[in-house]
Amino acid sequence: MREKDDVVHVRCIIKGEPARMIRELKRRGTVTSVKEAVVQGIFTYYDTILQLDLKRLEVERSRDSTSYTPDEDNTPEH
Protein backbone atom coordinates (compact mmCIF):
# COMPACT_ATOMS: atom_id res chain seq x y z
CA MET A 1 0.00 0.00 0.00
CA ARG A 2 1.24 3.48 -0.82
CA GLU A 3 2.06 5.97 1.87
CA LYS A 4 0.77 9.53 1.57
CA ASP A 5 4.40 10.66 1.29
CA ASP A 6 4.81 8.58 -1.88
CA VAL A 7 2.54 10.89 -3.91
CA VAL A 8 3.35 14.37 -5.19
CA HIS A 9 0.91 16.42 -7.24
CA VAL A 10 2.52 18.67 -9.85
CA ARG A 11 0.67 21.18 -11.96
CA CYS A 12 2.73 23.55 -14.05
CA ILE A 13 3.30 24.92 -17.52
CA ILE A 14 6.57 24.04 -19.23
CA LYS A 15 7.81 26.64 -21.71
CA GLY A 16 10.78 27.31 -23.92
CA GLU A 17 13.65 24.88 -24.39
CA PRO A 18 12.33 22.25 -21.93
CA ALA A 19 9.01 22.20 -23.85
CA ARG A 20 10.87 21.76 -27.14
CA MET A 21 12.90 18.95 -25.63
CA ILE A 22 9.75 17.15 -24.46
CA ARG A 23 8.16 17.46 -27.90
CA GLU A 24 11.35 16.11 -29.49
CA LEU A 25 11.43 13.14 -27.08
CA LYS A 26 7.78 12.39 -27.85
CA ARG A 27 8.42 12.69 -31.61
CA ARG A 28 11.28 10.18 -31.33
CA GLY A 29 9.12 7.83 -29.30
CA THR A 30 11.48 8.00 -26.32
CA VAL A 31 8.62 9.08 -24.05
CA THR A 32 4.88 8.85 -24.60
CA SER A 33 3.72 11.67 -22.33
CA VAL A 34 4.83 14.81 -20.55
CA LYS A 35 4.45 12.98 -17.25
CA GLU A 36 6.81 10.24 -18.42
CA ALA A 37 9.34 12.83 -19.60
CA VAL A 38 9.24 14.63 -16.25
CA VAL A 39 9.56 11.41 -14.26
CA GLN A 40 12.48 10.23 -16.41
CA GLY A 41 14.10 13.63 -15.97
CA ILE A 42 13.79 13.41 -12.20
CA PHE A 43 15.31 9.90 -12.20
CA THR A 44 18.20 11.12 -14.34
CA TYR A 45 18.77 14.23 -12.22
CA TYR A 46 18.67 12.19 -9.01
CA ASP A 47 21.17 9.69 -10.42
CA THR A 48 23.46 12.57 -11.43
CA ILE A 49 23.33 14.03 -7.92
CA LEU A 50 24.11 10.61 -6.39
CA GLN A 51 27.10 10.21 -8.73
CA LEU A 52 28.39 13.66 -7.75
CA ASP A 53 28.00 12.75 -4.07
CA LEU A 54 30.00 9.56 -4.60
CA LYS A 55 32.77 11.45 -6.39
CA ARG A 56 32.87 14.02 -3.58
CA LEU A 57 33.19 11.24 -0.99
CA GLU A 58 35.97 9.60 -3.01
CA VAL A 59 37.87 12.90 -3.13
CA GLU A 60 37.41 13.43 0.61
CA ARG A 61 38.60 9.89 1.37
CA SER A 62 41.54 10.35 -0.97
CA ARG A 63 42.54 13.54 0.85
CA ASP A 64 42.22 11.80 4.21
CA SER A 65 44.37 8.86 3.14
CA THR A 66 47.11 11.04 1.62
CA SER A 67 47.31 13.19 4.74
CA TYR A 68 47.73 10.12 6.96
CA THR A 69 51.21 9.76 8.42
CA PRO A 70 51.93 6.67 10.49
CA ASP A 71 52.99 7.22 14.06
CA GLU A 72 56.70 6.42 14.42
CA ASP A 73 56.16 4.87 17.86
CA ASN A 74 53.66 2.31 16.54
CA THR A 75 55.84 0.77 13.81
CA PRO A 76 56.62 -2.91 14.35
CA GLU A 77 60.14 -3.73 15.49
CA HIS A 78 62.21 -6.35 13.67
PDB file of N, CA and C in Angstrom:
ATOM      1  N   MET A   1       0.828  -1.180   0.000  1.00  0.00           N
ATOM      2  CA  MET A   1       0.000   0.000   0.000  1.00  0.00           C
ATOM      3  C   MET A   1       0.873   1.245   0.000  1.00  0.00           C
ATOM      4  N   ARG A   2       0.486   2.231  -0.740  1.00  0.00           N
ATOM      5  CA  ARG A   2       1.243   3.476  -0.817  1.00  0.00           C
ATOM      6  C   ARG A   2       1.050   4.328   0.426  1.00  0.00           C
ATOM      7  N   GLU A   3       2.115   4.993   0.792  1.00  0.00           N
ATOM      8  CA  GLU A   3       2.056   5.974   1.874  1.00  0.00           C
ATOM      9  C   GLU A   3       1.660   7.310   1.270  1.00  0.00           C
ATOM     10  N   LYS A   4       1.113   8.203   2.079  1.00  0.00           N
ATOM     11  CA  LYS A   4       0.769   9.527   1.571  1.00  0.00           C
ATOM     12  C   LYS A   4       2.008  10.267   1.078  1.00  0.00           C
ATOM     13  N   ASP A   5       3.161   9.991   1.684  1.00  0.00           N
ATOM     14  CA  ASP A   5       4.397  10.660   1.293  1.00  0.00           C
ATOM     15  C   ASP A   5       4.913  10.196  -0.069  1.00  0.00           C
ATOM     16  N   ASP A   6       4.362   9.117  -0.605  1.00  0.00           N
ATOM     17  CA  ASP A   6       4.810   8.585  -1.884  1.00  0.00           C
ATOM     18  C   ASP A   6       4.103   9.232  -3.068  1.00  0.00           C
ATOM     19  N   VAL A   7       3.282  10.240  -2.836  1.00  0.00           N
ATOM     20  CA  VAL A   7       2.537  10.892  -3.905  1.00  0.00           C
ATOM     21  C   VAL A   7       2.815  12.383  -3.868  1.00  0.00           C
ATOM     22  N   VAL A   8       3.136  12.937  -5.045  1.00  0.00           N
ATOM     23  CA  VAL A   8       3.346  14.374  -5.190  1.00  0.00           C
ATOM     24  C   VAL A   8       2.511  14.841  -6.366  1.00  0.00           C
ATOM     25  N   HIS A   9       1.717  15.862  -6.158  1.00  0.00           N
ATOM     26  CA  HIS A   9       0.907  16.421  -7.238  1.00  0.00           C
ATOM     27  C   HIS A   9       1.661  17.599  -7.833  1.00  0.00           C
ATOM     28  N   VAL A  10       1.801  17.602  -9.164  1.00  0.00           N
ATOM     29  CA  VAL A  10       2.515  18.669  -9.851  1.00  0.00           C
ATOM     30  C   VAL A  10       1.604  19.235 -10.929  1.00  0.00           C
ATOM     31  N   ARG A  11       1.455  20.524 -10.918  1.00  0.00           N
ATOM     32  CA  ARG A  11       0.671  21.185 -11.962  1.00  0.00           C
ATOM     33  C   ARG A  11       1.446  22.429 -12.369  1.00  0.00           C
ATOM     34  N   CYS A  12       1.933  22.410 -13.596  1.00  0.00           N
ATOM     35  CA  CYS A  12       2.731  23.546 -14.052  1.00  0.00           C
ATOM     36  C   CYS A  12       2.697  23.612 -15.578  1.00  0.00           C
ATOM     37  N   ILE A  13       3.165  24.727 -16.079  1.00  0.00           N
ATOM     38  CA  ILE A  13       3.301  24.924 -17.519  1.00  0.00           C
ATOM     39  C   ILE A  13       4.783  24.923 -17.842  1.00  0.00           C
ATOM     40  N   ILE A  14       5.168  24.115 -18.814  1.00  0.00           N
ATOM     41  CA  ILE A  14       6.570  24.043 -19.227  1.00  0.00           C
ATOM     42  C   ILE A  14       6.703  24.811 -20.531  1.00  0.00           C
ATOM     43  N   LYS A  15       7.625  25.768 -20.547  1.00  0.00           N
ATOM     44  CA  LYS A  15       7.806  26.637 -21.715  1.00  0.00           C
ATOM     45  C   LYS A  15       9.243  26.589 -22.210  1.00  0.00           C
ATOM     46  N   GLY A  16       9.436  27.102 -23.387  1.00  0.00           N
ATOM     47  CA  GLY A  16      10.776  27.310 -23.919  1.00  0.00           C
ATOM     48  C   GLY A  16      11.492  26.020 -24.273  1.00  0.00           C
ATOM     49  N   GLU A  17      12.798  26.012 -24.018  1.00  0.00           N
ATOM     50  CA  GLU A  17      13.645  24.878 -24.392  1.00  0.00           C
ATOM     51  C   GLU A  17      13.182  23.562 -23.767  1.00  0.00           C
ATOM     52  N   PRO A  18      12.821  23.520 -22.476  1.00  0.00           N
ATOM     53  CA  PRO A  18      12.330  22.246 -21.933  1.00  0.00           C
ATOM     54  C   PRO A  18      11.093  21.732 -22.677  1.00  0.00           C
ATOM     55  N   ALA A  19      10.190  22.628 -23.087  1.00  0.00           N
ATOM     56  CA  ALA A  19       9.005  22.204 -23.847  1.00  0.00           C
ATOM     57  C   ALA A  19       9.415  21.641 -25.200  1.00  0.00           C
ATOM     58  N   ARG A  20      10.375  22.279 -25.848  1.00  0.00           N
ATOM     59  CA  ARG A  20      10.865  21.763 -27.144  1.00  0.00           C
ATOM     60  C   ARG A  20      11.512  20.397 -26.961  1.00  0.00           C
ATOM     61  N   MET A  21      12.240  20.235 -25.884  1.00  0.00           N
ATOM     62  CA  MET A  21      12.896  18.948 -25.626  1.00  0.00           C
ATOM     63  C   MET A  21      11.863  17.841 -25.411  1.00  0.00           C
ATOM     64  N   ILE A  22      10.807  18.151 -24.682  1.00  0.00           N
ATOM     65  CA  ILE A  22       9.747  17.150 -24.457  1.00  0.00           C
ATOM     66  C   ILE A  22       9.082  16.778 -25.764  1.00  0.00           C
ATOM     67  N   ARG A  23       8.766  17.767 -26.594  1.00  0.00           N
ATOM     68  CA  ARG A  23       8.156  17.460 -27.896  1.00  0.00           C
ATOM     69  C   ARG A  23       9.085  16.605 -28.749  1.00  0.00           C
ATOM     70  N   GLU A  24      10.376  16.894 -28.714  1.00  0.00           N
ATOM     71  CA  GLU A  24      11.351  16.106 -29.485  1.00  0.00           C
ATOM     72  C   GLU A  24      11.408  14.670 -28.972  1.00  0.00           C
ATOM     73  N   LEU A  25      11.417  14.492 -27.658  1.00  0.00           N
ATOM     74  CA  LEU A  25      11.434  13.142 -27.083  1.00  0.00           C
ATOM     75  C   LEU A  25      10.179  12.371 -27.460  1.00  0.00           C
ATOM     76  N   LYS A  26       9.032  13.043 -27.452  1.00  0.00           N
ATOM     77  CA  LYS A  26       7.782  12.391 -27.853  1.00  0.00           C
ATOM     78  C   LYS A  26       7.817  12.034 -29.339  1.00  0.00           C
ATOM     79  N   ARG A  27       8.343  12.949 -30.176  1.00  0.00           N
ATOM     80  CA  ARG A  27       8.422  12.686 -31.614  1.00  0.00           C
ATOM     81  C   ARG A  27       9.291  11.457 -31.888  1.00  0.00           C
ATOM     82  N   ARG A  28      10.376  11.319 -31.154  1.00  0.00           N
ATOM     83  CA  ARG A  28      11.280  10.185 -31.331  1.00  0.00           C
ATOM     84  C   ARG A  28      10.726   8.897 -30.740  1.00  0.00           C
ATOM     85  N   GLY A  29       9.687   9.016 -29.937  1.00  0.00           N
ATOM     86  CA  GLY A  29       9.120   7.835 -29.303  1.00  0.00           C
ATOM     87  C   GLY A  29       9.853   7.435 -28.032  1.00  0.00           C
ATOM     88  N   THR A  30      10.725   8.290 -27.538  1.00  0.00           N
ATOM     89  CA  THR A  30      11.482   8.000 -26.319  1.00  0.00           C
ATOM     90  C   THR A  30      10.580   8.060 -25.094  1.00  0.00           C
ATOM     91  N   VAL A  31       9.629   8.987 -25.107  1.00  0.00           N
ATOM     92  CA  VAL A  31       8.615   9.075 -24.050  1.00  0.00           C
ATOM     93  C   VAL A  31       7.256   9.188 -24.733  1.00  0.00           C
ATOM     94  N   THR A  32       6.219   8.796 -24.012  1.00  0.00           N
ATOM     95  CA  THR A  32       4.883   8.846 -24.599  1.00  0.00           C
ATOM     96  C   THR A  32       4.038   9.984 -24.042  1.00  0.00           C
ATOM     97  N   SER A  33       4.508  10.596 -22.945  1.00  0.00           N
ATOM     98  CA  SER A  33       3.722  11.669 -22.334  1.00  0.00           C
ATOM     99  C   SER A  33       4.647  12.654 -21.631  1.00  0.00           C
ATOM    100  N   VAL A  34       4.086  13.801 -21.308  1.00  0.00           N
ATOM    101  CA  VAL A  34       4.834  14.807 -20.550  1.00  0.00           C
ATOM    102  C   VAL A  34       5.170  14.247 -19.168  1.00  0.00           C
ATOM    103  N   LYS A  35       4.208  13.569 -18.573  1.00  0.00           N
ATOM    104  CA  LYS A  35       4.450  12.981 -17.250  1.00  0.00           C
ATOM    105  C   LYS A  35       5.647  12.034 -17.294  1.00  0.00           C
ATOM    106  N   GLU A  36       5.697  11.186 -18.298  1.00  0.00           N
ATOM    107  CA  GLU A  36       6.812  10.245 -18.421  1.00  0.00           C
ATOM    108  C   GLU A  36       8.132  10.992 -18.601  1.00  0.00           C
ATOM    109  N   ALA A  37       8.126  12.042 -19.395  1.00  0.00           N
ATOM    110  CA  ALA A  37       9.343  12.826 -19.603  1.00  0.00           C
ATOM    111  C   ALA A  37       9.814  13.457 -18.299  1.00  0.00           C
ATOM    112  N   VAL A  38       8.882  14.003 -17.527  1.00  0.00           N
ATOM    113  CA  VAL A  38       9.241  14.634 -16.255  1.00  0.00           C
ATOM    114  C   VAL A  38       9.769  13.597 -15.271  1.00  0.00           C
ATOM    115  N   VAL A  39       9.108  12.458 -15.180  1.00  0.00           N
ATOM    116  CA  VAL A  39       9.557  11.414 -14.258  1.00  0.00           C
ATOM    117  C   VAL A  39      10.945  10.915 -14.652  1.00  0.00           C
ATOM    118  N   GLN A  40      11.166  10.671 -15.954  1.00  0.00           N
ATOM    119  CA  GLN A  40      12.478  10.227 -16.407  1.00  0.00           C
ATOM    120  C   GLN A  40      13.540  11.285 -16.118  1.00  0.00           C
ATOM    121  N   GLY A  41      13.176  12.550 -16.284  1.00  0.00           N
ATOM    122  CA  GLY A  41      14.101  13.633 -15.975  1.00  0.00           C
ATOM    123  C   GLY A  41      14.473  13.661 -14.507  1.00  0.00           C
ATOM    124  N   ILE A  42      13.515  13.422 -13.637  1.00  0.00           N
ATOM    125  CA  ILE A  42      13.790  13.405 -12.204  1.00  0.00           C
ATOM    126  C   ILE A  42      14.700  12.228 -11.853  1.00  0.00           C
ATOM    127  N   PHE A  43      14.432  11.057 -12.435  1.00  0.00           N
ATOM    128  CA  PHE A  43      15.313   9.902 -12.202  1.00  0.00           C
ATOM    129  C   PHE A  43      16.742  10.221 -12.644  1.00  0.00           C
ATOM    130  N   THR A  44      16.881  10.804 -13.812  1.00  0.00           N
ATOM    131  CA  THR A  44      18.203  11.123 -14.339  1.00  0.00           C
ATOM    132  C   THR A  44      18.908  12.156 -13.473  1.00  0.00           C
ATOM    133  N   TYR A  45      18.194  13.193 -13.076  1.00  0.00           N
ATOM    134  CA  TYR A  45      18.775  14.229 -12.218  1.00  0.00           C
ATOM    135  C   TYR A  45      19.198  13.643 -10.875  1.00  0.00           C
ATOM    136  N   TYR A  46      18.351  12.814 -10.294  1.00  0.00           N
ATOM    137  CA  TYR A  46      18.666  12.188  -9.010  1.00  0.00           C
ATOM    138  C   TYR A  46      19.915  11.321  -9.121  1.00  0.00           C
ATOM    139  N   ASP A  47      20.001  10.536 -10.189  1.00  0.00           N
ATOM    140  CA  ASP A  47      21.167   9.693 -10.420  1.00  0.00           C
ATOM    141  C   ASP A  47      22.430  10.549 -10.564  1.00  0.00           C
ATOM    142  N   THR A  48      22.321  11.674 -11.273  1.00  0.00           N
ATOM    143  CA  THR A  48      23.465  12.572 -11.434  1.00  0.00           C
ATOM    144  C   THR A  48      23.925  13.110 -10.086  1.00  0.00           C
ATOM    145  N   ILE A  49      22.989  13.508  -9.243  1.00  0.00           N
ATOM    146  CA  ILE A  49      23.331  14.026  -7.916  1.00  0.00           C
ATOM    147  C   ILE A  49      24.001  12.942  -7.078  1.00  0.00           C
ATOM    148  N   LEU A  50      23.492  11.709  -7.133  1.00  0.00           N
ATOM    149  CA  LEU A  50      24.114  10.614  -6.394  1.00  0.00           C
ATOM    150  C   LEU A  50      25.539  10.367  -6.876  1.00  0.00           C
ATOM    151  N   GLN A  51      25.752  10.408  -8.186  1.00  0.00           N
ATOM    152  CA  GLN A  51      27.096  10.213  -8.731  1.00  0.00           C
ATOM    153  C   GLN A  51      28.044  11.319  -8.263  1.00  0.00           C
ATOM    154  N   LEU A  52      27.564  12.556  -8.249  1.00  0.00           N
ATOM    155  CA  LEU A  52      28.385  13.662  -7.748  1.00  0.00           C
ATOM    156  C   LEU A  52      28.712  13.481  -6.272  1.00  0.00           C
ATOM    157  N   ASP A  53      27.744  13.018  -5.484  1.00  0.00           N
ATOM    158  CA  ASP A  53      27.995  12.752  -4.065  1.00  0.00           C
ATOM    159  C   ASP A  53      29.069  11.689  -3.891  1.00  0.00           C
ATOM    160  N   LEU A  54      28.995  10.624  -4.689  1.00  0.00           N
ATOM    161  CA  LEU A  54      30.000   9.558  -4.601  1.00  0.00           C
ATOM    162  C   LEU A  54      31.388  10.079  -4.961  1.00  0.00           C
ATOM    163  N   LYS A  55      31.473  10.885  -6.008  1.00  0.00           N
ATOM    164  CA  LYS A  55      32.770  11.453  -6.391  1.00  0.00           C
ATOM    165  C   LYS A  55      33.318  12.353  -5.289  1.00  0.00           C
ATOM    166  N   ARG A  56      32.434  13.148  -4.667  1.00  0.00           N
ATOM    167  CA  ARG A  56      32.865  14.021  -3.575  1.00  0.00           C
ATOM    168  C   ARG A  56      33.398  13.201  -2.404  1.00  0.00           C
ATOM    169  N   LEU A  57      32.722  12.109  -2.072  1.00  0.00           N
ATOM    170  CA  LEU A  57      33.187  11.242  -0.994  1.00  0.00           C
ATOM    171  C   LEU A  57      34.529  10.606  -1.333  1.00  0.00           C
ATOM    172  N   GLU A  58      34.699  10.189  -2.587  1.00  0.00           N
ATOM    173  CA  GLU A  58      35.971   9.604  -3.009  1.00  0.00           C
ATOM    174  C   GLU A  58      37.097  10.611  -2.867  1.00  0.00           C
ATOM    175  N   VAL A  59      36.848  11.861  -3.252  1.00  0.00           N
ATOM    176  CA  VAL A  59      37.872  12.901  -3.129  1.00  0.00           C
ATOM    177  C   VAL A  59      38.199  13.147  -1.663  1.00  0.00           C
ATOM    178  N   GLU A  60      37.176  13.219  -0.814  1.00  0.00           N
ATOM    179  CA  GLU A  60      37.412  13.430   0.613  1.00  0.00           C
ATOM    180  C   GLU A  60      38.199  12.279   1.220  1.00  0.00           C
ATOM    181  N   ARG A  61      37.865  11.054   0.855  1.00  0.00           N
ATOM    182  CA  ARG A  61      38.602   9.890   1.366  1.00  0.00           C
ATOM    183  C   ARG A  61      40.033   9.889   0.856  1.00  0.00           C
ATOM    184  N   SER A  62      40.200  10.290  -0.392  1.00  0.00           N
ATOM    185  CA  SER A  62      41.540  10.351  -0.966  1.00  0.00           C
ATOM    186  C   SER A  62      42.391  11.370  -0.216  1.00  0.00           C
ATOM    187  N   ARG A  63      41.812  12.519   0.093  1.00  0.00           N
ATOM    188  CA  ARG A  63      42.536  13.545   0.847  1.00  0.00           C
ATOM    189  C   ARG A  63      42.901  13.031   2.236  1.00  0.00           C
ATOM    190  N   ASP A  64      41.958  12.331   2.872  1.00  0.00           N
ATOM    191  CA  ASP A  64      42.217  11.801   4.212  1.00  0.00           C
ATOM    192  C   ASP A  64      43.335  10.768   4.196  1.00  0.00           C
ATOM    193  N   SER A  65      43.353   9.905   3.184  1.00  0.00           N
ATOM    194  CA  SER A  65      44.373   8.856   3.139  1.00  0.00           C
ATOM    195  C   SER A  65      45.740   9.409   2.770  1.00  0.00           C
ATOM    196  N   THR A  66      45.812  10.466   1.980  1.00  0.00           N
ATOM    197  CA  THR A  66      47.112  11.039   1.623  1.00  0.00           C
ATOM    198  C   THR A  66      47.670  11.890   2.748  1.00  0.00           C
ATOM    199  N   SER A  67      46.816  12.382   3.632  1.00  0.00           N
ATOM    200  CA  SER A  67      47.308  13.189   4.743  1.00  0.00           C
ATOM    201  C   SER A  67      47.683  12.331   5.943  1.00  0.00           C
ATOM    202  N   TYR A  68      47.426  11.025   5.869  1.00  0.00           N
ATOM    203  CA  TYR A  68      47.732  10.118   6.965  1.00  0.00           C
ATOM    204  C   TYR A  68      49.231   9.882   7.033  1.00  0.00           C
ATOM    205  N   THR A  69      49.791  10.084   8.197  1.00  0.00           N
ATOM    206  CA  THR A  69      51.207   9.759   8.420  1.00  0.00           C
ATOM    207  C   THR A  69      51.276   8.802   9.592  1.00  0.00           C
ATOM    208  N   PRO A  70      51.888   7.647   9.398  1.00  0.00           N
ATOM    209  CA  PRO A  70      51.932   6.668  10.489  1.00  0.00           C
ATOM    210  C   PRO A  70      52.740   7.205  11.670  1.00  0.00           C
ATOM    211  N   ASP A  71      52.311   6.819  12.840  1.00  0.00           N
ATOM    212  CA  ASP A  71      52.986   7.221  14.063  1.00  0.00           C
ATOM    213  C   ASP A  71      54.279   6.419  14.185  1.00  0.00           C
ATOM    214  N   GLU A  72      55.380   7.086  14.355  1.00  0.00           N
ATOM    215  CA  GLU A  72      56.701   6.425  14.416  1.00  0.00           C
ATOM    216  C   GLU A  72      56.748   5.438  15.570  1.00  0.00           C
ATOM    217  N   ASP A  73      56.083   5.724  16.676  1.00  0.00           N
ATOM    218  CA  ASP A  73      56.157   4.871  17.857  1.00  0.00           C
ATOM    219  C   ASP A  73      55.397   3.567  17.681  1.00  0.00           C
ATOM    220  N   ASN A  74      54.482   3.515  16.711  1.00  0.00           N
ATOM    221  CA  ASN A  74      53.664   2.313  16.541  1.00  0.00           C
ATOM    222  C   ASN A  74      54.170   1.391  15.440  1.00  0.00           C
ATOM    223  N   THR A  75      55.319   1.649  14.870  1.00  0.00           N
ATOM    224  CA  THR A  75      55.836   0.774  13.811  1.00  0.00           C
ATOM    225  C   THR A  75      56.366  -0.494  14.441  1.00  0.00           C
ATOM    226  N   PRO A  76      56.134  -1.640  13.791  1.00  0.00           N
ATOM    227  CA  PRO A  76      56.619  -2.907  14.350  1.00  0.00           C
ATOM    228  C   PRO A  76      58.145  -2.970  14.367  1.00  0.00           C
ATOM    229  N   GLU A  77      58.695  -3.567  15.399  1.00  0.00           N
ATOM    230  CA  GLU A  77      60.143  -3.727  15.487  1.00  0.00           C
ATOM    231  C   GLU A  77      60.548  -5.064  14.928  1.00  0.00           C
ATOM    232  N   HIS A  78      61.709  -5.092  14.260  1.00  0.00           N
ATOM    233  CA  HIS A  78      62.207  -6.353  13.672  1.00  0.00           C
ATOM    234  C   HIS A  78      63.373  -6.859  14.420  1.00  0.00           C
TER     235      HIS A  78
END
